[in-house]
């Protein structure tokens, strides 16, 4: 489509919607399979999975926090002012 002199935005939109629908169906199928697997576990196994997921979520939150701090320092956010006012090291 990109090689055409005039883009067909309607066709592009339709193709994008079709991909979104396919992606959504695949996500639902994957979710259903994981939930079926999880529901078949006993309580001890569910506790193990839950503990592991909680640790993973905590690492993701920490990573996001560090990325936000870095973004702020490099782009004039709250961290940038304190970094700019810090004395330079010789």
C-alpha atoms as a PDB file:
ATOM      1  CA  UNK A   1       0.000   0.000   0.000  1.00  0.00           C
ATOM      2  CA  UNK A   2       2.825   2.408   0.803  1.00  0.00           C
ATOM      3  CA  UNK A   3       4.060   2.277  -2.797  1.00  0.00           C
ATOM      4  CA  UNK A   4       0.777   3.638  -4.173  1.00  0.00           C
ATOM      5  CA  UNK A   5       0.734   7.342  -5.050  1.00  0.00           C
ATOM      6  CA  UNK A   6      -2.506   7.836  -3.103  1.00  0.00           C
ATOM      7  CA  UNK A   7      -2.950   5.903   0.106  1.00  0.00           C
ATOM      8  CA  UNK A   8      -6.221   4.060   0.632  1.00  0.00           C
ATOM      9  CA  UNK A   9      -6.810   5.016   4.243  1.00  0.00           C
ATOM     10  CA  UNK A  10     -10.059   3.035   4.370  1.00  0.00           C
ATOM     11  CA  UNK A  11      -8.239  -0.149   3.347  1.00  0.00           C
ATOM     12  CA  UNK A  12      -5.462   0.586   5.826  1.00  0.00           C
ATOM     13  CA  UNK A  13      -8.006   1.102   8.589  1.00  0.00           C
ATOM     14  CA  UNK A  14      -9.830  -2.122   7.678  1.00  0.00           C
ATOM     15  CA  UNK A  15      -6.544  -4.069   7.705  1.00  0.00           C
ATOM     16  CA  UNK A  16      -5.641  -2.551  11.060  1.00  0.00           C
ATOM     17  CA  UNK A  17      -9.030  -3.483  12.520  1.00  0.00           C
ATOM     18  CA  UNK A  18      -8.689  -7.047  11.206  1.00  0.00           C
ATOM     19  CA  UNK A  19      -5.268  -7.362  12.869  1.00  0.00           C
ATOM     20  CA  UNK A  20      -6.679  -5.970  16.124  1.00  0.00           C
ATOM     21  CA  UNK A  21      -9.520  -8.509  16.060  1.00  0.00           C
ATOM     22  CA  UNK A  22      -7.094 -11.369  15.405  1.00  0.00           C
ATOM     23  CA  UNK A  23      -4.818 -10.174  18.201  1.00  0.00           C
ATOM     24  CA  UNK A  24      -7.782  -9.902  20.559  1.00  0.00           C
ATOM     25  CA  UNK A  25      -8.924 -13.431  19.735  1.00  0.00           C
ATOM     26  CA  UNK A  26      -5.432 -14.778  20.316  1.00  0.00           C
ATOM     27  CA  UNK A  27      -5.177 -12.943  23.670  1.00  0.00           C
ATOM     28  CA  UNK A  28      -8.532 -14.394  24.743  1.00  0.00           C
ATOM     29  CA  UNK A  29      -7.494 -17.920  23.733  1.00  0.00           C
ATOM     30  CA  UNK A  30      -4.208 -17.573  25.587  1.00  0.00           C
ATOM     31  CA  UNK A  31      -5.934 -16.177  28.669  1.00  0.00           C
ATOM     32  CA  UNK A  32      -8.476 -19.004  28.663  1.00  0.00           C
ATOM     33  CA  UNK A  33      -5.709 -21.619  28.405  1.00  0.00           C
ATOM     34  CA  UNK A  34      -3.732 -20.084  31.306  1.00  0.00           C
ATOM     35  CA  UNK A  35      -6.847 -19.762  33.474  1.00  0.00           C
ATOM     36  CA  UNK A  36      -7.769 -23.401  32.795  1.00  0.00           C
ATOM     37  CA  UNK A  37      -4.238 -24.411  33.773  1.00  0.00           C
ATOM     38  CA  UNK A  38      -4.284 -22.247  36.921  1.00  0.00           C
ATOM     39  CA  UNK A  39      -7.730 -23.472  37.969  1.00  0.00           C
ATOM     40  CA  UNK A  40      -6.487 -27.065  37.774  1.00  0.00           C
ATOM     41  CA  UNK A  41      -3.768 -26.390  40.361  1.00  0.00           C
ATOM     42  CA  UNK A  42      -4.171 -27.256  44.024  1.00  0.00           C
ATOM     43  CA  UNK A  43      -3.966 -24.542  46.691  1.00  0.00           C
ATOM     44  CA  UNK A  44      -0.278 -25.135  47.402  1.00  0.00           C
ATOM     45  CA  UNK A  45       0.548 -24.805  43.691  1.00  0.00           C
ATOM     46  CA  UNK A  46      -1.609 -21.681  43.400  1.00  0.00           C
ATOM     47  CA  UNK A  47       0.261 -20.181  46.369  1.00  0.00           C
ATOM     48  CA  UNK A  48       3.580 -20.874  44.651  1.00  0.00           C
ATOM     49  CA  UNK A  49       2.367 -19.279  41.415  1.00  0.00           C
ATOM     50  CA  UNK A  50       0.885 -16.310  43.301  1.00  0.00           C
ATOM     51  CA  UNK A  51       4.114 -15.695  45.199  1.00  0.00           C
ATOM     52  CA  UNK A  52       6.116 -15.820  41.987  1.00  0.00           C
ATOM     53  CA  UNK A  53       3.732 -13.443  40.203  1.00  0.00           C
ATOM     54  CA  UNK A  54       3.786 -10.979  43.109  1.00  0.00           C
ATOM     55  CA  UNK A  55       7.597 -10.919  42.967  1.00  0.00           C
ATOM     56  CA  UNK A  56       7.470 -10.388  39.214  1.00  0.00           C
ATOM     57  CA  UNK A  57       4.942  -7.534  39.530  1.00  0.00           C
ATOM     58  CA  UNK A  58       7.120  -5.890  42.186  1.00  0.00           C
ATOM     59  CA  UNK A  59      10.173  -6.063  39.881  1.00  0.00           C
ATOM     60  CA  UNK A  60       8.115  -4.565  37.032  1.00  0.00           C
ATOM     61  CA  UNK A  61       6.918  -1.708  39.277  1.00  0.00           C
ATOM     62  CA  UNK A  62      10.484  -1.063  40.451  1.00  0.00           C
ATOM     63  CA  UNK A  63      11.737  -1.022  36.863  1.00  0.00           C
ATOM     64  CA  UNK A  64       8.974   1.413  35.869  1.00  0.00           C
ATOM     65  CA  UNK A  65       9.834   3.618  38.848  1.00  0.00           C
ATOM     66  CA  UNK A  66      13.519   3.703  37.862  1.00  0.00           C
ATOM     67  CA  UNK A  67      12.603   4.510  34.259  1.00  0.00           C
ATOM     68  CA  UNK A  68      10.353   7.380  35.384  1.00  0.00           C
ATOM     69  CA  UNK A  69      13.158   8.738  37.549  1.00  0.00           C
ATOM     70  CA  UNK A  70      15.617   8.566  34.659  1.00  0.00           C
ATOM     71  CA  UNK A  71      13.135  10.183  32.308  1.00  0.00           C
ATOM     72  CA  UNK A  72      12.537  13.031  34.755  1.00  0.00           C
ATOM     73  CA  UNK A  73      16.233  13.672  35.287  1.00  0.00           C
ATOM     74  CA  UNK A  74      16.951  13.782  31.597  1.00  0.00           C
ATOM     75  CA  UNK A  75      13.920  15.796  30.536  1.00  0.00           C
ATOM     76  CA  UNK A  76      13.491  18.615  33.011  1.00  0.00           C
ATOM     77  CA  UNK A  77      11.384  16.703  35.536  1.00  0.00           C
ATOM     78  CA  UNK A  78      11.674  16.948  39.316  1.00  0.00           C
ATOM     79  CA  UNK A  79      14.907  14.952  39.325  1.00  0.00           C
ATOM     80  CA  UNK A  80      16.516  17.307  36.798  1.00  0.00           C
ATOM     81  CA  UNK A  81      16.464  20.296  39.149  1.00  0.00           C
ATOM     82  CA  UNK A  82      18.154  18.443  41.989  1.00  0.00           C
ATOM     83  CA  UNK A  83      20.704  16.936  39.606  1.00  0.00           C
ATOM     84  CA  UNK A  84      21.458  20.366  38.151  1.00  0.00           C
ATOM     85  CA  UNK A  85      21.888  21.973  41.574  1.00  0.00           C
ATOM     86  CA  UNK A  86      24.240  19.266  42.829  1.00  0.00           C
ATOM     87  CA  UNK A  87      27.874  20.395  43.015  1.00  0.00           C
ATOM     88  CA  UNK A  88      30.104  19.071  40.276  1.00  0.00           C
ATOM     89  CA  UNK A  89      32.675  16.479  41.300  1.00  0.00           C
ATOM     90  CA  UNK A  90      36.295  17.323  40.477  1.00  0.00           C
END
